[in-house]
Every structure is written in structure tokens, then in C-alpha cells.
PDB file of N, CA and C in Angstrom:
ATOM      1  N   MET A   1      -0.321  13.238  24.875  1.00  0.00           N
ATOM      2  CA  MET A   1      -1.361  14.175  25.236  1.00  0.00           C
ATOM      3  C   MET A   1      -1.611  15.124  24.063  1.00  0.00           C
ATOM      4  N   GLY A   2      -2.848  15.244  23.627  1.00  0.00           N
ATOM      5  CA  GLY A   2      -3.182  16.124  22.509  1.00  0.00           C
ATOM      6  C   GLY A   2      -3.466  17.531  22.986  1.00  0.00           C
ATOM      7  N   SER A   3      -3.702  18.414  22.032  1.00  0.00           N
ATOM      8  CA  SER A   3      -4.076  19.770  22.405  1.00  0.00           C
ATOM      9  C   SER A   3      -5.598  19.878  22.333  1.00  0.00           C
ATOM     10  N   ASP A   4      -6.181  20.486  23.345  1.00  0.00           N
ATOM     11  CA  ASP A   4      -7.622  20.625  23.409  1.00  0.00           C
ATOM     12  C   ASP A   4      -8.004  22.035  22.969  1.00  0.00           C
ATOM     13  N   ARG A   5      -9.125  22.135  22.328  1.00  0.00           N
ATOM     14  CA  ARG A   5      -9.547  23.435  21.825  1.00  0.00           C
ATOM     15  C   ARG A   5     -11.015  23.668  22.154  1.00  0.00           C
ATOM     16  N   LEU A   6     -11.296  24.856  22.681  1.00  0.00           N
ATOM     17  CA  LEU A   6     -12.662  25.274  22.938  1.00  0.00           C
ATOM     18  C   LEU A   6     -13.027  26.270  21.848  1.00  0.00           C
ATOM     19  N   SER A   7     -13.978  25.903  21.011  1.00  0.00           N
ATOM     20  CA  SER A   7     -14.413  26.822  19.962  1.00  0.00           C
ATOM     21  C   SER A   7     -15.787  27.372  20.347  1.00  0.00           C
ATOM     22  N   ASN A   8     -16.191  28.444  19.678  1.00  0.00           N
ATOM     23  CA  ASN A   8     -17.475  29.048  20.025  1.00  0.00           C
ATOM     24  C   ASN A   8     -18.132  29.697  18.817  1.00  0.00           C
ATOM     25  N   ASN A   9     -19.418  29.961  18.990  1.00  0.00           N
ATOM     26  CA  ASN A   9     -20.230  30.599  17.954  1.00  0.00           C
ATOM     27  C   ASN A   9     -20.680  31.996  18.382  1.00  0.00           C
ATOM     28  N   LEU A  10     -19.905  32.647  19.231  1.00  0.00           N
ATOM     29  CA  LEU A  10     -20.330  33.943  19.762  1.00  0.00           C
ATOM     30  C   LEU A  10     -20.595  34.974  18.681  1.00  0.00           C
ATOM     31  N   ARG A  11     -19.675  35.094  17.731  1.00  0.00           N
ATOM     32  CA  ARG A  11     -19.822  36.112  16.691  1.00  0.00           C
ATOM     33  C   ARG A  11     -21.121  35.893  15.917  1.00  0.00           C
ATOM     34  N   ARG A  12     -21.395  34.638  15.524  1.00  0.00           N
ATOM     35  CA  ARG A  12     -22.614  34.334  14.770  1.00  0.00           C
ATOM     36  C   ARG A  12     -23.858  34.596  15.614  1.00  0.00           C
ATOM     37  N   LEU A  13     -23.823  34.179  16.876  1.00  0.00           N
ATOM     38  CA  LEU A  13     -24.978  34.383  17.753  1.00  0.00           C
ATOM     39  C   LEU A  13     -25.254  35.868  17.968  1.00  0.00           C
ATOM     40  N   ARG A  14     -24.198  36.660  18.122  1.00  0.00           N
ATOM     41  CA  ARG A  14     -24.393  38.104  18.273  1.00  0.00           C
ATOM     42  C   ARG A  14     -25.055  38.688  17.033  1.00  0.00           C
ATOM     43  N   PHE A  15     -24.576  38.262  15.860  1.00  0.00           N
ATOM     44  CA  PHE A  15     -25.112  38.763  14.597  1.00  0.00           C
ATOM     45  C   PHE A  15     -26.583  38.383  14.455  1.00  0.00           C
ATOM     46  N   GLU A  16     -26.910  37.133  14.833  1.00  0.00           N
ATOM     47  CA  GLU A  16     -28.288  36.633  14.684  1.00  0.00           C
ATOM     48  C   GLU A  16     -29.234  37.249  15.715  1.00  0.00           C
ATOM     49  N   ASN A  17     -28.699  37.869  16.748  1.00  0.00           N
ATOM     50  CA  ASN A  17     -29.524  38.491  17.782  1.00  0.00           C
ATOM     51  C   ASN A  17     -29.458  40.009  17.659  1.00  0.00           C
ATOM     52  N   GLY A  18     -29.922  40.491  16.532  1.00  0.00           N
ATOM     53  CA  GLY A  18     -29.991  41.934  16.320  1.00  0.00           C
ATOM     54  C   GLY A  18     -28.649  42.607  16.188  1.00  0.00           C
ATOM     55  N   GLN A  19     -27.648  41.866  15.697  1.00  0.00           N
ATOM     56  CA  GLN A  19     -26.290  42.390  15.544  1.00  0.00           C
ATOM     57  C   GLN A  19     -25.801  43.007  16.857  1.00  0.00           C
ATOM     58  N   MET A  20     -26.005  42.260  17.940  1.00  0.00           N
ATOM     59  CA  MET A  20     -25.561  42.671  19.272  1.00  0.00           C
ATOM     60  C   MET A  20     -24.054  42.941  19.232  1.00  0.00           C
ATOM     61  N   THR A  21     -23.644  44.043  19.852  1.00  0.00           N
ATOM     62  CA  THR A  21     -22.214  44.355  19.884  1.00  0.00           C
ATOM     63  C   THR A  21     -21.526  43.551  20.987  1.00  0.00           C
ATOM     64  N   GLN A  22     -20.203  43.507  20.901  1.00  0.00           N
ATOM     65  CA  GLN A  22     -19.428  42.854  21.960  1.00  0.00           C
ATOM     66  C   GLN A  22     -19.687  43.548  23.291  1.00  0.00           C
ATOM     67  N   GLN A  23     -19.812  44.877  23.265  1.00  0.00           N
ATOM     68  CA  GLN A  23     -20.053  45.630  24.496  1.00  0.00           C
ATOM     69  C   GLN A  23     -21.423  45.299  25.078  1.00  0.00           C
ATOM     70  N   GLN A  24     -22.442  45.188  24.237  1.00  0.00           N
ATOM     71  CA  GLN A  24     -23.785  44.846  24.723  1.00  0.00           C
ATOM     72  C   GLN A  24     -23.785  43.473  25.382  1.00  0.00           C
ATOM     73  N   LEU A  25     -23.109  42.513  24.763  1.00  0.00           N
ATOM     74  CA  LEU A  25     -23.030  41.174  25.347  1.00  0.00           C
ATOM     75  C   LEU A  25     -22.271  41.229  26.676  1.00  0.00           C
ATOM     76  N   ALA A  26     -21.166  41.946  26.694  1.00  0.00           N
ATOM     77  CA  ALA A  26     -20.371  42.076  27.919  1.00  0.00           C
ATOM     78  C   ALA A  26     -21.219  42.649  29.050  1.00  0.00           C
ATOM     79  N   ASP A  27     -21.999  43.675  28.746  1.00  0.00           N
ATOM     80  CA  ASP A  27     -22.847  44.299  29.760  1.00  0.00           C
ATOM     81  C   ASP A  27     -23.893  43.317  30.281  1.00  0.00           C
ATOM     82  N   LYS A  28     -24.465  42.526  29.381  1.00  0.00           N
ATOM     83  CA  LYS A  28     -25.510  41.575  29.777  1.00  0.00           C
ATOM     84  C   LYS A  28     -24.982  40.475  30.692  1.00  0.00           C
ATOM     85  N   VAL A  29     -23.735  40.045  30.467  1.00  0.00           N
ATOM     86  CA  VAL A  29     -23.201  38.919  31.247  1.00  0.00           C
ATOM     87  C   VAL A  29     -22.235  39.355  32.350  1.00  0.00           C
ATOM     88  N   GLY A  30     -21.977  40.658  32.452  1.00  0.00           N
ATOM     89  CA  GLY A  30     -21.195  41.174  33.568  1.00  0.00           C
ATOM     90  C   GLY A  30     -19.689  41.031  33.449  1.00  0.00           C
ATOM     91  N   VAL A  31     -19.178  41.173  32.226  1.00  0.00           N
ATOM     92  CA  VAL A  31     -17.721  41.142  32.022  1.00  0.00           C
ATOM     93  C   VAL A  31     -17.327  42.337  31.161  1.00  0.00           C
ATOM     94  N   THR A  32     -16.036  42.495  30.910  1.00  0.00           N
ATOM     95  CA  THR A  32     -15.570  43.585  30.051  1.00  0.00           C
ATOM     96  C   THR A  32     -15.656  43.168  28.580  1.00  0.00           C
ATOM     97  N   ARG A  33     -15.655  44.172  27.724  1.00  0.00           N
ATOM     98  CA  ARG A  33     -15.642  43.903  26.276  1.00  0.00           C
ATOM     99  C   ARG A  33     -14.379  43.125  25.909  1.00  0.00           C
ATOM    100  N   GLN A  34     -13.273  43.422  26.583  1.00  0.00           N
ATOM    101  CA  GLN A  34     -12.018  42.721  26.298  1.00  0.00           C
ATOM    102  C   GLN A  34     -12.157  41.220  26.564  1.00  0.00           C
ATOM    103  N   THR A  35     -12.935  40.860  27.582  1.00  0.00           N
ATOM    104  CA  THR A  35     -13.161  39.440  27.870  1.00  0.00           C
ATOM    105  C   THR A  35     -13.920  38.782  26.732  1.00  0.00           C
ATOM    106  N   ILE A  36     -14.950  39.458  26.221  1.00  0.00           N
ATOM    107  CA  ILE A  36     -15.726  38.912  25.098  1.00  0.00           C
ATOM    108  C   ILE A  36     -14.832  38.765  23.867  1.00  0.00           C
ATOM    109  N   ILE A  37     -14.003  39.763  23.608  1.00  0.00           N
ATOM    110  CA  ILE A  37     -13.074  39.705  22.466  1.00  0.00           C
ATOM    111  C   ILE A  37     -12.167  38.481  22.600  1.00  0.00           C
ATOM    112  N   ALA A  38     -11.607  38.270  23.795  1.00  0.00           N
ATOM    113  CA  ALA A  38     -10.692  37.141  24.016  1.00  0.00           C
ATOM    114  C   ALA A  38     -11.412  35.804  23.875  1.00  0.00           C
ATOM    115  N   ILE A  39     -12.640  35.702  24.380  1.00  0.00           N
ATOM    116  CA  ILE A  39     -13.401  34.459  24.239  1.00  0.00           C
ATOM    117  C   ILE A  39     -13.681  34.188  22.765  1.00  0.00           C
ATOM    118  N   GLU A  40     -14.158  35.205  22.034  1.00  0.00           N
ATOM    119  CA  GLU A  40     -14.463  35.032  20.604  1.00  0.00           C
ATOM    120  C   GLU A  40     -13.235  34.580  19.826  1.00  0.00           C
ATOM    121  N   ALA A  41     -12.082  35.114  20.196  1.00  0.00           N
ATOM    122  CA  ALA A  41     -10.842  34.794  19.483  1.00  0.00           C
ATOM    123  C   ALA A  41     -10.266  33.434  19.894  1.00  0.00           C
ATOM    124  N   GLY A  42     -10.886  32.798  20.891  1.00  0.00           N
ATOM    125  CA  GLY A  42     -10.382  31.507  21.348  1.00  0.00           C
ATOM    126  C   GLY A  42      -9.137  31.623  22.209  1.00  0.00           C
ATOM    127  N   LYS A  43      -8.854  32.829  22.699  1.00  0.00           N
ATOM    128  CA  LYS A  43      -7.663  33.042  23.524  1.00  0.00           C
ATOM    129  C   LYS A  43      -7.958  32.870  25.016  1.00  0.00           C
ATOM    130  N   TYR A  44      -9.251  32.788  25.361  1.00  0.00           N
ATOM    131  CA  TYR A  44      -9.643  32.704  26.764  1.00  0.00           C
ATOM    132  C   TYR A  44     -10.848  31.776  26.892  1.00  0.00           C
ATOM    133  N   ALA A  45     -10.755  30.814  27.791  1.00  0.00           N
ATOM    134  CA  ALA A  45     -11.875  29.910  28.060  1.00  0.00           C
ATOM    135  C   ALA A  45     -12.659  30.470  29.235  1.00  0.00           C
ATOM    136  N   PRO A  46     -13.951  30.735  29.055  1.00  0.00           N
ATOM    137  CA  PRO A  46     -14.723  31.318  30.143  1.00  0.00           C
ATOM    138  C   PRO A  46     -14.943  30.332  31.274  1.00  0.00           C
ATOM    139  N   SER A  47     -15.220  30.860  32.452  1.00  0.00           N
ATOM    140  CA  SER A  47     -15.617  30.003  33.564  1.00  0.00           C
ATOM    141  C   SER A  47     -16.952  29.357  33.208  1.00  0.00           C
ATOM    142  N   LEU A  48     -17.264  28.284  33.894  1.00  0.00           N
ATOM    143  CA  LEU A  48     -18.532  27.611  33.640  1.00  0.00           C
ATOM    144  C   LEU A  48     -19.728  28.530  33.916  1.00  0.00           C
ATOM    145  N   PRO A  49     -19.754  29.263  35.036  1.00  0.00           N
ATOM    146  CA  PRO A  49     -20.884  30.177  35.247  1.00  0.00           C
ATOM    147  C   PRO A  49     -21.020  31.218  34.131  1.00  0.00           C
ATOM    148  N   LEU A  50     -19.895  31.763  33.663  1.00  0.00           N
ATOM    149  CA  LEU A  50     -19.954  32.741  32.581  1.00  0.00           C
ATOM    150  C   LEU A  50     -20.458  32.093  31.299  1.00  0.00           C
ATOM    151  N   ALA A  51     -19.998  30.891  31.005  1.00  0.00           N
ATOM    152  CA  ALA A  51     -20.461  30.190  29.804  1.00  0.00           C
ATOM    153  C   ALA A  51     -21.979  29.999  29.847  1.00  0.00           C
ATOM    154  N   PHE A  52     -22.512  29.637  31.013  1.00  0.00           N
ATOM    155  CA  PHE A  52     -23.962  29.475  31.151  1.00  0.00           C
ATOM    156  C   PHE A  52     -24.689  30.809  31.006  1.00  0.00           C
ATOM    157  N   ARG A  53     -24.126  31.900  31.564  1.00  0.00           N
ATOM    158  CA  ARG A  53     -24.766  33.218  31.424  1.00  0.00           C
ATOM    159  C   ARG A  53     -24.818  33.633  29.955  1.00  0.00           C
ATOM    160  N   ILE A  54     -23.755  33.363  29.217  1.00  0.00           N
ATOM    161  CA  ILE A  54     -23.735  33.691  27.791  1.00  0.00           C
ATOM    162  C   ILE A  54     -24.809  32.900  27.058  1.00  0.00           C
ATOM    163  N   ALA A  55     -24.879  31.597  27.314  1.00  0.00           N
ATOM    164  CA  ALA A  55     -25.893  30.759  26.656  1.00  0.00           C
ATOM    165  C   ALA A  55     -27.302  31.246  26.995  1.00  0.00           C
ATOM    166  N   GLN A  56     -27.537  31.581  28.268  1.00  0.00           N
ATOM    167  CA  GLN A  56     -28.864  32.059  28.688  1.00  0.00           C
ATOM    168  C   GLN A  56     -29.208  33.385  28.013  1.00  0.00           C
ATOM    169  N   THR A  57     -28.219  34.229  27.796  1.00  0.00           N
ATOM    170  CA  THR A  57     -28.450  35.502  27.110  1.00  0.00           C
ATOM    171  C   THR A  57     -29.023  35.274  25.720  1.00  0.00           C
ATOM    172  N   PHE A  58     -28.529  34.246  25.045  1.00  0.00           N
ATOM    173  CA  PHE A  58     -29.003  33.939  23.696  1.00  0.00           C
ATOM    174  C   PHE A  58     -30.177  32.964  23.686  1.00  0.00           C
ATOM    175  N   GLY A  59     -30.527  32.431  24.859  1.00  0.00           N
ATOM    176  CA  GLY A  59     -31.650  31.500  24.948  1.00  0.00           C
ATOM    177  C   GLY A  59     -31.395  30.177  24.265  1.00  0.00           C
ATOM    178  N   VAL A  60     -30.139  29.730  24.309  1.00  0.00           N
ATOM    179  CA  VAL A  60     -29.776  28.458  23.664  1.00  0.00           C
ATOM    180  C   VAL A  60     -29.018  27.582  24.649  1.00  0.00           C
ATOM    181  N   PRO A  61     -28.968  26.260  24.393  1.00  0.00           N
ATOM    182  CA  PRO A  61     -28.156  25.381  25.231  1.00  0.00           C
ATOM    183  C   PRO A  61     -26.681  25.760  25.103  1.00  0.00           C
ATOM    184  N   ILE A  62     -25.933  25.494  26.158  1.00  0.00           N
ATOM    185  CA  ILE A  62     -24.513  25.858  26.185  1.00  0.00           C
ATOM    186  C   ILE A  62     -23.745  25.219  25.017  1.00  0.00           C
ATOM    187  N   GLU A  63     -24.171  24.024  24.590  1.00  0.00           N
ATOM    188  CA  GLU A  63     -23.488  23.340  23.474  1.00  0.00           C
ATOM    189  C   GLU A  63     -23.649  24.080  22.150  1.00  0.00           C
ATOM    190  N   GLN A  64     -24.649  24.958  22.047  1.00  0.00           N
ATOM    191  CA  GLN A  64     -24.804  25.742  20.819  1.00  0.00           C
ATOM    192  C   GLN A  64     -23.900  26.969  20.811  1.00  0.00           C
ATOM    193  N   VAL A  65     -23.319  27.273  21.978  1.00  0.00           N
ATOM    194  CA  VAL A  65     -22.397  28.405  22.062  1.00  0.00           C
ATOM    195  C   VAL A  65     -20.951  27.915  22.016  1.00  0.00           C
ATOM    196  N   PHE A  66     -20.652  26.884  22.834  1.00  0.00           N
ATOM    197  CA  PHE A  66     -19.276  26.406  22.966  1.00  0.00           C
ATOM    198  C   PHE A  66     -19.170  24.943  22.557  1.00  0.00           C
ATOM    199  N   GLN A  67     -18.080  24.620  21.855  1.00  0.00           N
ATOM    200  CA  GLN A  67     -17.784  23.242  21.484  1.00  0.00           C
ATOM    201  C   GLN A  67     -16.376  22.918  21.953  1.00  0.00           C
ATOM    202  N   TYR A  68     -16.247  21.753  22.569  1.00  0.00           N
ATOM    203  CA  TYR A  68     -14.952  21.299  23.068  1.00  0.00           C
ATOM    204  C   TYR A  68     -14.436  20.228  22.135  1.00  0.00           C
ATOM    205  N   ASP A  69     -13.284  20.482  21.548  1.00  0.00           N
ATOM    206  CA  ASP A  69     -12.683  19.538  20.606  1.00  0.00           C
ATOM    207  C   ASP A  69     -11.407  18.977  21.207  1.00  0.00           C
ATOM    208  N   GLU A  70     -11.402  17.676  21.473  1.00  0.00           N
ATOM    209  CA  GLU A  70     -10.210  17.021  21.995  1.00  0.00           C
ATOM    210  C   GLU A  70      -9.409  16.490  20.821  1.00  0.00           C
ATOM    211  N   GLN A  71      -8.198  16.970  20.688  1.00  0.00           N
ATOM    212  CA  GLN A  71      -7.350  16.585  19.559  1.00  0.00           C
ATOM    213  C   GLN A  71      -6.393  15.472  19.990  1.00  0.00           C
ATOM    214  N   GLU A  72      -6.342  14.435  19.196  1.00  0.00           N
ATOM    215  CA  GLU A  72      -5.369  13.359  19.450  1.00  0.00           C
ATOM    216  C   GLU A  72      -4.061  13.712  18.769  1.00  0.00           C
ATOM    217  N   SER A  73      -2.944  13.440  19.445  1.00  0.00           N
ATOM    218  CA  SER A  73      -1.646  13.745  18.821  1.00  0.00           C
ATOM    219  C   SER A  73      -1.020  12.503  18.255  1.00  0.00           C
TER     220      SER A  73
END
């Protein structure tokens, strides 16, 4: 069994959208800033509804925000 990794482009998307802060994004999607920090750092995988809310906030498909990498061991 390999290790799976969920990566994301949150930091870049925030920067490209008027340098949106972590707090502004958190407010838009209804979570705490700490949750956004953990997602950006790859320490927390968001729920599917939250992942969709984040993608909708940026007006992009979910695949442009999150990438799932399955690692073979």
C-alpha cells in the first residue's frame, strides 16, 4: 500500500484573486483561518462539500484546486 497525497493550489489561487487572505477565504467558505492554513500546508484534507465551496469561490473546477497523487511503494 502506497502513501496517498492530496496537494492543492490554494496559495497561488488566493494570490491570483486579488491577493485574498487566508481569513477572507475562510470567511467565504465558512471555516476558520486555521482550517485554511492546515489545508494549504497539506496537513488536512477538506470534506468534499468544502472542497467544492473553495473551487466555486475561485470559479474554477475542483481539479484546478486539488490534485490527488497516489504513490506506489
